């Protein structure tokens, strides 16, 4: 299973938060098991995400796709620059990212 399929499975069967503002809010509250950031995300947003994720002990994965592609992977008609996996559902995304990271 590739990482994109794992992301889609997590969106379909689990619980995710899409969007940088909502993602940062979730991270600040310590919610989430994994943060996925699009490769073209703005630097200041990436810095905020990394900072709060480090405080909350949540791993961050910088995906090598742009926000439009990440949105398409999630099955959404809009760009997604940051997403938080709250519950992976039937996806093995957490193990995949651990083995890559």
PDB file of N, CA and C in Angstrom:
ATOM      1  N   UNK A   1       0.858  -1.199   0.000  1.00  0.00           N
ATOM      2  CA  UNK A   1       0.000   0.000   0.000  1.00  0.00           C
ATOM      3  C   UNK A   1       0.891   1.244   0.000  1.00  0.00           C
ATOM      4  N   UNK A   2       0.638   2.159  -0.905  1.00  0.00           N
ATOM      5  CA  UNK A   2       1.457   3.363  -0.930  1.00  0.00           C
ATOM      6  C   UNK A   2       0.867   4.427  -0.004  1.00  0.00           C
ATOM      7  N   UNK A   3       1.625   5.460   0.236  1.00  0.00           N
ATOM      8  CA  UNK A   3       1.250   6.486   1.216  1.00  0.00           C
ATOM      9  C   UNK A   3      -0.040   7.200   0.821  1.00  0.00           C
ATOM     10  N   UNK A   4      -0.251   7.438  -0.480  1.00  0.00           N
ATOM     11  CA  UNK A   4      -1.466   8.127  -0.919  1.00  0.00           C
ATOM     12  C   UNK A   4      -2.708   7.295  -0.644  1.00  0.00           C
ATOM     13  N   UNK A   5      -2.614   5.982  -0.887  1.00  0.00           N
ATOM     14  CA  UNK A   5      -3.745   5.096  -0.597  1.00  0.00           C
ATOM     15  C   UNK A   5      -4.029   5.074   0.897  1.00  0.00           C
ATOM     16  N   UNK A   6      -2.967   5.083   1.698  1.00  0.00           N
ATOM     17  CA  UNK A   6      -3.119   5.063   3.152  1.00  0.00           C
ATOM     18  C   UNK A   6      -3.798   6.340   3.635  1.00  0.00           C
ATOM     19  N   UNK A   7      -3.441   7.487   3.031  1.00  0.00           N
ATOM     20  CA  UNK A   7      -4.079   8.759   3.391  1.00  0.00           C
ATOM     21  C   UNK A   7      -5.562   8.692   3.049  1.00  0.00           C
ATOM     22  N   UNK A   8      -5.872   8.209   1.845  1.00  0.00           N
ATOM     23  CA  UNK A   8      -7.274   8.135   1.417  1.00  0.00           C
ATOM     24  C   UNK A   8      -8.082   7.203   2.325  1.00  0.00           C
ATOM     25  N   UNK A   9      -7.486   6.076   2.707  1.00  0.00           N
ATOM     26  CA  UNK A   9      -8.162   5.139   3.597  1.00  0.00           C
ATOM     27  C   UNK A   9      -8.429   5.789   4.948  1.00  0.00           C
ATOM     28  N   UNK A  10      -7.459   6.564   5.455  1.00  0.00           N
ATOM     29  CA  UNK A  10      -7.644   7.258   6.739  1.00  0.00           C
ATOM     30  C   UNK A  10      -8.776   8.277   6.634  1.00  0.00           C
ATOM     31  N   UNK A  11      -8.854   8.988   5.506  1.00  0.00           N
ATOM     32  CA  UNK A  11      -9.932   9.968   5.308  1.00  0.00           C
ATOM     33  C   UNK A  11     -11.286   9.266   5.252  1.00  0.00           C
ATOM     34  N   UNK A  12     -11.341   8.126   4.551  1.00  0.00           N
ATOM     35  CA  UNK A  12     -12.607   7.417   4.358  1.00  0.00           C
ATOM     36  C   UNK A  12     -13.076   6.654   5.595  1.00  0.00           C
ATOM     37  N   UNK A  13     -12.143   6.042   6.333  1.00  0.00           N
ATOM     38  CA  UNK A  13     -12.547   5.154   7.430  1.00  0.00           C
ATOM     39  C   UNK A  13     -12.226   5.698   8.818  1.00  0.00           C
ATOM     40  N   UNK A  14     -11.371   6.709   8.894  1.00  0.00           N
ATOM     41  CA  UNK A  14     -10.970   7.235  10.190  1.00  0.00           C
ATOM     42  C   UNK A  14     -11.517   8.625  10.427  1.00  0.00           C
ATOM     43  N   UNK A  15     -10.741   9.402  11.179  1.00  0.00           N
ATOM     44  CA  UNK A  15     -11.137  10.775  11.480  1.00  0.00           C
ATOM     45  C   UNK A  15      -9.940  11.682  11.228  1.00  0.00           C
ATOM     46  N   UNK A  16     -10.130  12.685  10.370  1.00  0.00           N
ATOM     47  CA  UNK A  16      -9.044  13.603  10.039  1.00  0.00           C
ATOM     48  C   UNK A  16      -9.531  15.040  10.144  1.00  0.00           C
ATOM     49  N   UNK A  17      -8.562  15.950  10.302  1.00  0.00           N
ATOM     50  CA  UNK A  17      -8.845  17.381  10.290  1.00  0.00           C
ATOM     51  C   UNK A  17      -8.100  17.949   9.096  1.00  0.00           C
ATOM     52  N   UNK A  18      -8.809  18.688   8.242  1.00  0.00           N
ATOM     53  CA  UNK A  18      -8.202  19.279   7.053  1.00  0.00           C
ATOM     54  C   UNK A  18      -8.097  20.786   7.214  1.00  0.00           C
ATOM     55  N   UNK A  19      -7.011  21.369   6.724  1.00  0.00           N
ATOM     56  CA  UNK A  19      -6.833  22.812   6.761  1.00  0.00           C
ATOM     57  C   UNK A  19      -5.862  23.237   7.847  1.00  0.00           C
ATOM     58  N   UNK A  20      -5.057  24.251   7.545  1.00  0.00           N
ATOM     59  CA  UNK A  20      -3.991  24.634   8.463  1.00  0.00           C
ATOM     60  C   UNK A  20      -4.515  25.199   9.784  1.00  0.00           C
ATOM     61  N   UNK A  21      -5.546  26.052   9.740  1.00  0.00           N
ATOM     62  CA  UNK A  21      -6.048  26.630  10.996  1.00  0.00           C
ATOM     63  C   UNK A  21      -6.619  25.573  11.926  1.00  0.00           C
ATOM     64  N   UNK A  22      -7.473  24.705  11.388  1.00  0.00           N
ATOM     65  CA  UNK A  22      -8.069  23.652  12.208  1.00  0.00           C
ATOM     66  C   UNK A  22      -7.002  22.661  12.661  1.00  0.00           C
ATOM     67  N   UNK A  23      -6.037  22.384  11.788  1.00  0.00           N
ATOM     68  CA  UNK A  23      -4.964  21.446  12.136  1.00  0.00           C
ATOM     69  C   UNK A  23      -4.139  21.991  13.295  1.00  0.00           C
ATOM     70  N   UNK A  24      -3.745  23.257  13.209  1.00  0.00           N
ATOM     71  CA  UNK A  24      -2.938  23.853  14.280  1.00  0.00           C
ATOM     72  C   UNK A  24      -3.732  23.878  15.582  1.00  0.00           C
ATOM     73  N   UNK A  25      -5.029  24.164  15.496  1.00  0.00           N
ATOM     74  CA  UNK A  25      -5.876  24.154  16.694  1.00  0.00           C
ATOM     75  C   UNK A  25      -5.879  22.763  17.332  1.00  0.00           C
ATOM     76  N   UNK A  26      -6.026  21.729  16.504  1.00  0.00           N
ATOM     77  CA  UNK A  26      -6.018  20.357  17.024  1.00  0.00           C
ATOM     78  C   UNK A  26      -4.673  20.003  17.653  1.00  0.00           C
ATOM     79  N   UNK A  27      -3.596  20.402  16.982  1.00  0.00           N
ATOM     80  CA  UNK A  27      -2.249  20.100  17.476  1.00  0.00           C
ATOM     81  C   UNK A  27      -2.021  20.790  18.817  1.00  0.00           C
ATOM     82  N   UNK A  28      -2.457  22.055  18.935  1.00  0.00           N
ATOM     83  CA  UNK A  28      -2.290  22.792  20.197  1.00  0.00           C
ATOM     84  C   UNK A  28      -2.988  22.081  21.349  1.00  0.00           C
ATOM     85  N   UNK A  29      -4.097  21.426  21.060  1.00  0.00           N
ATOM     86  CA  UNK A  29      -4.842  20.709  22.094  1.00  0.00           C
ATOM     87  C   UNK A  29      -4.327  19.280  22.284  1.00  0.00           C
ATOM     88  N   UNK A  30      -3.261  18.932  21.578  1.00  0.00           N
ATOM     89  CA  UNK A  30      -2.664  17.611  21.736  1.00  0.00           C
ATOM     90  C   UNK A  30      -3.448  16.505  21.059  1.00  0.00           C
ATOM     91  N   UNK A  31      -4.354  16.881  20.160  1.00  0.00           N
ATOM     92  CA  UNK A  31      -5.141  15.875  19.445  1.00  0.00           C
ATOM     93  C   UNK A  31      -4.430  15.527  18.150  1.00  0.00           C
ATOM     94  N   UNK A  32      -4.404  14.258  17.843  1.00  0.00           N
ATOM     95  CA  UNK A  32      -3.808  13.829  16.587  1.00  0.00           C
ATOM     96  C   UNK A  32      -2.705  12.826  16.804  1.00  0.00           C
ATOM     97  N   UNK A  33      -2.562  11.939  15.838  1.00  0.00           N
ATOM     98  CA  UNK A  33      -1.515  10.920  15.893  1.00  0.00           C
ATOM     99  C   UNK A  33      -0.435  11.189  14.854  1.00  0.00           C
ATOM    100  N   UNK A  34      -0.797  11.989  13.821  1.00  0.00           N
ATOM    101  CA  UNK A  34       0.146  12.284  12.755  1.00  0.00           C
ATOM    102  C   UNK A  34      -0.309  13.546  12.028  1.00  0.00           C
ATOM    103  N   UNK A  35       0.661  14.392  11.669  1.00  0.00           N
ATOM    104  CA  UNK A  35       0.374  15.581  10.867  1.00  0.00           C
ATOM    105  C   UNK A  35       1.012  15.369   9.499  1.00  0.00           C
ATOM    106  N   UNK A  36       0.240  15.608   8.444  1.00  0.00           N
ATOM    107  CA  UNK A  36       0.755  15.501   7.074  1.00  0.00           C
ATOM    108  C   UNK A  36       0.697  16.894   6.455  1.00  0.00           C
ATOM    109  N   UNK A  37       1.824  17.336   5.914  1.00  0.00           N
ATOM    110  CA  UNK A  37       1.936  18.675   5.339  1.00  0.00           C
ATOM    111  C   UNK A  37       2.289  18.549   3.865  1.00  0.00           C
ATOM    112  N   UNK A  38       1.601  19.312   3.020  1.00  0.00           N
ATOM    113  CA  UNK A  38       1.916  19.325   1.592  1.00  0.00           C
ATOM    114  C   UNK A  38       3.284  19.974   1.373  1.00  0.00           C
ATOM    115  N   UNK A  39       3.967  19.540   0.342  1.00  0.00           N
ATOM    116  CA  UNK A  39       5.306  20.041   0.069  1.00  0.00           C
ATOM    117  C   UNK A  39       5.370  21.526  -0.231  1.00  0.00           C
ATOM    118  N   UNK A  40       4.281  22.107  -0.755  1.00  0.00           N
ATOM    119  CA  UNK A  40       4.295  23.526  -1.114  1.00  0.00           C
ATOM    120  C   UNK A  40       3.632  24.404  -0.054  1.00  0.00           C
ATOM    121  N   UNK A  41       3.471  23.890   1.136  1.00  0.00           N
ATOM    122  CA  UNK A  41       2.849  24.659   2.222  1.00  0.00           C
ATOM    123  C   UNK A  41       3.750  25.853   2.572  1.00  0.00           C
ATOM    124  N   UNK A  42       3.128  26.969   2.971  1.00  0.00           N
ATOM    125  CA  UNK A  42       3.895  28.168   3.317  1.00  0.00           C
ATOM    126  C   UNK A  42       4.832  27.895   4.486  1.00  0.00           C
ATOM    127  N   UNK A  43       6.018  28.515   4.429  1.00  0.00           N
ATOM    128  CA  UNK A  43       7.057  28.264   5.434  1.00  0.00           C
ATOM    129  C   UNK A  43       6.580  28.609   6.846  1.00  0.00           C
ATOM    130  N   UNK A  44       5.860  29.717   7.016  1.00  0.00           N
ATOM    131  CA  UNK A  44       5.437  30.102   8.363  1.00  0.00           C
ATOM    132  C   UNK A  44       4.431  29.098   8.941  1.00  0.00           C
ATOM    133  N   UNK A  45       3.593  28.537   8.081  1.00  0.00           N
ATOM    134  CA  UNK A  45       2.640  27.518   8.550  1.00  0.00           C
ATOM    135  C   UNK A  45       3.392  26.251   8.935  1.00  0.00           C
ATOM    136  N   UNK A  46       4.368  25.853   8.111  1.00  0.00           N
ATOM    137  CA  UNK A  46       5.164  24.661   8.423  1.00  0.00           C
ATOM    138  C   UNK A  46       5.875  24.852   9.766  1.00  0.00           C
ATOM    139  N   UNK A  47       6.442  26.046   9.998  1.00  0.00           N
ATOM    140  CA  UNK A  47       7.138  26.305  11.260  1.00  0.00           C
ATOM    141  C   UNK A  47       6.186  26.209  12.445  1.00  0.00           C
ATOM    142  N   UNK A  48       4.986  26.793  12.306  1.00  0.00           N
ATOM    143  CA  UNK A  48       3.984  26.700  13.381  1.00  0.00           C
ATOM    144  C   UNK A  48       3.611  25.250  13.646  1.00  0.00           C
ATOM    145  N   UNK A  49       3.327  24.513  12.573  1.00  0.00           N
ATOM    146  CA  UNK A  49       2.921  23.109  12.705  1.00  0.00           C
ATOM    147  C   UNK A  49       4.022  22.319  13.407  1.00  0.00           C
ATOM    148  N   UNK A  50       5.263  22.482  12.959  1.00  0.00           N
ATOM    149  CA  UNK A  50       6.369  21.733  13.559  1.00  0.00           C
ATOM    150  C   UNK A  50       6.555  22.105  15.035  1.00  0.00           C
ATOM    151  N   UNK A  51       6.433  23.386  15.349  1.00  0.00           N
ATOM    152  CA  UNK A  51       6.608  23.847  16.723  1.00  0.00           C
ATOM    153  C   UNK A  51       5.563  23.232  17.651  1.00  0.00           C
ATOM    154  N   UNK A  52       4.294  23.377  17.290  1.00  0.00           N
ATOM    155  CA  UNK A  52       3.225  22.861  18.151  1.00  0.00           C
ATOM    156  C   UNK A  52       3.207  21.333  18.173  1.00  0.00           C
ATOM    157  N   UNK A  53       3.548  20.704  17.049  1.00  0.00           N
ATOM    158  CA  UNK A  53       3.585  19.238  17.010  1.00  0.00           C
ATOM    159  C   UNK A  53       4.689  18.708  17.922  1.00  0.00           C
ATOM    160  N   UNK A  54       5.809  19.424  17.954  1.00  0.00           N
ATOM    161  CA  UNK A  54       6.902  18.999  18.838  1.00  0.00           C
ATOM    162  C   UNK A  54       6.465  19.110  20.301  1.00  0.00           C
ATOM    163  N   UNK A  55       5.775  20.188  20.645  1.00  0.00           N
ATOM    164  CA  UNK A  55       5.287  20.348  22.020  1.00  0.00           C
ATOM    165  C   UNK A  55       4.287  19.257  22.388  1.00  0.00           C
ATOM    166  N   UNK A  56       3.486  18.829  21.416  1.00  0.00           N
ATOM    167  CA  UNK A  56       2.447  17.829  21.670  1.00  0.00           C
ATOM    168  C   UNK A  56       2.918  16.403  21.365  1.00  0.00           C
ATOM    169  N   UNK A  57       4.189  16.250  20.971  1.00  0.00           N
ATOM    170  CA  UNK A  57       4.737  14.924  20.650  1.00  0.00           C
ATOM    171  C   UNK A  57       3.984  14.232  19.522  1.00  0.00           C
ATOM    172  N   UNK A  58       3.634  14.975  18.485  1.00  0.00           N
ATOM    173  CA  UNK A  58       2.938  14.417  17.325  1.00  0.00           C
ATOM    174  C   UNK A  58       3.912  14.446  16.147  1.00  0.00           C
ATOM    175  N   UNK A  59       4.123  13.314  15.475  1.00  0.00           N
ATOM    176  CA  UNK A  59       5.051  13.310  14.332  1.00  0.00           C
ATOM    177  C   UNK A  59       4.504  14.117  13.153  1.00  0.00           C
ATOM    178  N   UNK A  60       5.424  14.743  12.410  1.00  0.00           N
ATOM    179  CA  UNK A  60       5.063  15.523  11.227  1.00  0.00           C
ATOM    180  C   UNK A  60       5.686  14.857  10.009  1.00  0.00           C
ATOM    181  N   UNK A  61       4.871  14.667   8.975  1.00  0.00           N
ATOM    182  CA  UNK A  61       5.348  14.077   7.723  1.00  0.00           C
ATOM    183  C   UNK A  61       5.149  15.103   6.618  1.00  0.00           C
ATOM    184  N   UNK A  62       6.251  15.526   5.978  1.00  0.00           N
ATOM    185  CA  UNK A  62       6.170  16.443   4.844  1.00  0.00           C
ATOM    186  C   UNK A  62       6.018  15.575   3.589  1.00  0.00           C
ATOM    187  N   UNK A  63       4.839  15.636   2.983  1.00  0.00           N
ATOM    188  CA  UNK A  63       4.555  14.817   1.798  1.00  0.00           C
ATOM    189  C   UNK A  63       5.101  15.530   0.567  1.00  0.00           C
ATOM    190  N   UNK A  64       5.567  14.779  -0.407  1.00  0.00           N
ATOM    191  CA  UNK A  64       6.181  15.373  -1.592  1.00  0.00           C
ATOM    192  C   UNK A  64       5.180  15.692  -2.695  1.00  0.00           C
ATOM    193  N   UNK A  65       3.944  16.015  -2.310  1.00  0.00           N
ATOM    194  CA  UNK A  65       2.936  16.466  -3.279  1.00  0.00           C
ATOM    195  C   UNK A  65       2.516  17.880  -2.909  1.00  0.00           C
ATOM    196  N   UNK A  66       1.936  18.604  -3.879  1.00  0.00           N
ATOM    197  CA  UNK A  66       1.471  19.949  -3.558  1.00  0.00           C
ATOM    198  C   UNK A  66       0.074  19.880  -2.940  1.00  0.00           C
ATOM    199  N   UNK A  67      -0.431  21.034  -2.508  1.00  0.00           N
ATOM    200  CA  UNK A  67      -1.699  21.060  -1.770  1.00  0.00           C
ATOM    201  C   UNK A  67      -2.889  20.640  -2.638  1.00  0.00           C
ATOM    202  N   UNK A  68      -2.857  20.956  -3.929  1.00  0.00           N
ATOM    203  CA  UNK A  68      -3.938  20.511  -4.817  1.00  0.00           C
ATOM    204  C   UNK A  68      -3.971  18.994  -4.920  1.00  0.00           C
ATOM    205  N   UNK A  69      -2.778  18.390  -5.049  1.00  0.00           N
ATOM    206  CA  UNK A  69      -2.699  16.927  -5.132  1.00  0.00           C
ATOM    207  C   UNK A  69      -3.124  16.283  -3.815  1.00  0.00           C
ATOM    208  N   UNK A  70      -2.727  16.879  -2.680  1.00  0.00           N
ATOM    209  CA  UNK A  70      -3.129  16.326  -1.381  1.00  0.00           C
ATOM    210  C   UNK A  70      -4.646  16.411  -1.215  1.00  0.00           C
ATOM    211  N   UNK A  71      -5.241  17.499  -1.678  1.00  0.00           N
ATOM    212  CA  UNK A  71      -6.698  17.614  -1.654  1.00  0.00           C
ATOM    213  C   UNK A  71      -7.357  16.534  -2.491  1.00  0.00           C
ATOM    214  N   UNK A  72      -6.795  16.272  -3.667  1.00  0.00           N
ATOM    215  CA  UNK A  72      -7.336  15.226  -4.547  1.00  0.00           C
ATOM    216  C   UNK A  72      -7.190  13.846  -3.913  1.00  0.00           C
ATOM    217  N   UNK A  73      -6.060  13.604  -3.269  1.00  0.00           N
ATOM    218  CA  UNK A  73      -5.844  12.328  -2.582  1.00  0.00           C
ATOM    219  C   UNK A  73      -6.910  12.132  -1.505  1.00  0.00           C
ATOM    220  N   UNK A  74      -7.267  13.215  -0.827  1.00  0.00           N
ATOM    221  CA  UNK A  74      -8.295  13.153   0.225  1.00  0.00           C
ATOM    222  C   UNK A  74      -9.704  13.079  -0.365  1.00  0.00           C
ATOM    223  N   UNK A  75      -9.815  13.233  -1.679  1.00  0.00           N
ATOM    224  CA  UNK A  75     -11.124  13.192  -2.326  1.00  0.00           C
ATOM    225  C   UNK A  75     -11.870  14.504  -2.203  1.00  0.00           C
ATOM    226  N   UNK A  76     -11.142  15.587  -2.016  1.00  0.00           N
ATOM    227  CA  UNK A  76     -11.758  16.906  -1.861  1.00  0.00           C
ATOM    228  C   UNK A  76     -11.502  17.757  -3.105  1.00  0.00           C
ATOM    229  N   UNK A  77     -12.460  18.639  -3.441  1.00  0.00           N
ATOM    230  CA  UNK A  77     -12.288  19.488  -4.632  1.00  0.00           C
ATOM    231  C   UNK A  77     -11.525  20.784  -4.344  1.00  0.00           C
ATOM    232  N   UNK A  78     -10.772  20.814  -3.261  1.00  0.00           N
ATOM    233  CA  UNK A  78     -10.036  22.025  -2.880  1.00  0.00           C
ATOM    234  C   UNK A  78      -8.650  21.632  -2.370  1.00  0.00           C
ATOM    235  N   UNK A  79      -7.703  22.585  -2.370  1.00  0.00           N
ATOM    236  CA  UNK A  79      -6.353  22.266  -1.886  1.00  0.00           C
ATOM    237  C   UNK A  79      -6.346  22.007  -0.377  1.00  0.00           C
ATOM    238  N   UNK A  80      -5.506  21.088   0.049  1.00  0.00           N
ATOM    239  CA  UNK A  80      -5.315  20.791   1.474  1.00  0.00           C
ATOM    240  C   UNK A  80      -3.818  20.907   1.746  1.00  0.00           C
ATOM    241  N   UNK A  81      -3.432  21.911   2.546  1.00  0.00           N
ATOM    242  CA  UNK A  81      -2.004  22.088   2.812  1.00  0.00           C
ATOM    243  C   UNK A  81      -1.562  21.352   4.067  1.00  0.00           C
ATOM    244  N   UNK A  82      -2.461  21.225   5.045  1.00  0.00           N
ATOM    245  CA  UNK A  82      -2.124  20.517   6.285  1.00  0.00           C
ATOM    246  C   UNK A  82      -3.308  19.642   6.672  1.00  0.00           C
ATOM    247  N   UNK A  83      -3.017  18.429   7.113  1.00  0.00           N
ATOM    248  CA  UNK A  83      -4.073  17.572   7.646  1.00  0.00           C
ATOM    249  C   UNK A  83      -3.548  16.849   8.875  1.00  0.00           C
ATOM    250  N   UNK A  84      -4.451  16.572   9.806  1.00  0.00           N
ATOM    251  CA  UNK A  84      -4.094  15.844  11.024  1.00  0.00           C
ATOM    252  C   UNK A  84      -4.904  14.556  11.050  1.00  0.00           C
ATOM    253  N   UNK A  85      -4.225  13.460  11.279  1.00  0.00           N
ATOM    254  CA  UNK A  85      -4.900  12.170  11.440  1.00  0.00           C
ATOM    255  C   UNK A  85      -5.237  12.024  12.924  1.00  0.00           C
ATOM    256  N   UNK A  86      -6.521  12.109  13.263  1.00  0.00           N
ATOM    257  CA  UNK A  86      -6.955  11.905  14.644  1.00  0.00           C
ATOM    258  C   UNK A  86      -7.120  10.421  14.918  1.00  0.00           C
ATOM    259  N   UNK A  87      -7.701   9.720  13.950  1.00  0.00           N
ATOM    260  CA  UNK A  87      -7.909   8.278  14.047  1.00  0.00           C
ATOM    261  C   UNK A  87      -7.668   7.693  12.661  1.00  0.00           C
ATOM    262  N   UNK A  88      -6.685   6.801  12.505  1.00  0.00           N
ATOM    263  CA  UNK A  88      -6.368   6.290  11.175  1.00  0.00           C
ATOM    264  C   UNK A  88      -7.408   5.331  10.590  1.00  0.00           C
ATOM    265  N   UNK A  89      -8.372   4.888  11.379  1.00  0.00           N
ATOM    266  CA  UNK A  89      -9.367   3.959  10.862  1.00  0.00           C
ATOM    267  C   UNK A  89      -8.710   2.663  10.417  1.00  0.00           C
ATOM    268  N   UNK A  90      -9.010   2.209   9.199  1.00  0.00           N
ATOM    269  CA  UNK A  90      -8.440   0.969   8.668  1.00  0.00           C
ATOM    270  C   UNK A  90      -7.092   1.184   7.985  1.00  0.00           C
ATOM    271  N   UNK A  91      -6.556   2.390   8.075  1.00  0.00           N
ATOM    272  CA  UNK A  91      -5.317   2.725   7.376  1.00  0.00           C
ATOM    273  C   UNK A  91      -4.098   2.331   8.208  1.00  0.00           C
ATOM    274  N   UNK A  92      -3.028   1.957   7.522  1.00  0.00           N
ATOM    275  CA  UNK A  92      -1.773   1.669   8.223  1.00  0.00           C
ATOM    276  C   UNK A  92      -0.782   2.820   8.026  1.00  0.00           C
ATOM    277  N   UNK A  93      -1.305   4.036   7.899  1.00  0.00           N
ATOM    278  CA  UNK A  93      -0.483   5.223   7.649  1.00  0.00           C
ATOM    279  C   UNK A  93       0.540   5.466   8.758  1.00  0.00           C
ATOM    280  N   UNK A  94       0.165   5.228  10.014  1.00  0.00           N
ATOM    281  CA  UNK A  94       1.086   5.496  11.123  1.00  0.00           C
ATOM    282  C   UNK A  94       2.316   4.603  11.036  1.00  0.00           C
ATOM    283  N   UNK A  95       2.127   3.317  10.710  1.00  0.00           N
ATOM    284  CA  UNK A  95       3.266   2.399  10.571  1.00  0.00           C
ATOM    285  C   UNK A  95       4.109   2.769   9.349  1.00  0.00           C
ATOM    286  N   UNK A  96       3.437   3.167   8.260  1.00  0.00           N
ATOM    287  CA  UNK A  96       4.161   3.516   7.032  1.00  0.00           C
ATOM    288  C   UNK A  96       5.079   4.711   7.260  1.00  0.00           C
ATOM    289  N   UNK A  97       4.564   5.719   7.949  1.00  0.00           N
ATOM    290  CA  UNK A  97       5.363   6.928   8.177  1.00  0.00           C
ATOM    291  C   UNK A  97       6.497   6.638   9.155  1.00  0.00           C
ATOM    292  N   UNK A  98       6.255   5.800  10.155  1.00  0.00           N
ATOM    293  CA  UNK A  98       7.323   5.423  11.092  1.00  0.00           C
ATOM    294  C   UNK A  98       8.459   4.736  10.355  1.00  0.00           C
ATOM    295  N   UNK A  99       8.104   3.841   9.430  1.00  0.00           N
ATOM    296  CA  UNK A  99       9.154   3.104   8.712  1.00  0.00           C
ATOM    297  C   UNK A  99       9.911   4.015   7.743  1.00  0.00           C
ATOM    298  N   UNK A 100       9.240   5.045   7.217  1.00  0.00           N
ATOM    299  CA  UNK A 100       9.915   5.985   6.303  1.00  0.00           C
ATOM    300  C   UNK A 100      10.757   6.993   7.064  1.00  0.00           C
ATOM    301  N   UNK A 101      10.214   7.446   8.215  1.00  0.00           N
ATOM    302  CA  UNK A 101      10.875   8.511   8.966  1.00  0.00           C
ATOM    303  C   UNK A 101      12.032   7.988   9.736  1.00  0.00           C
TER     304      UNK A 101
END
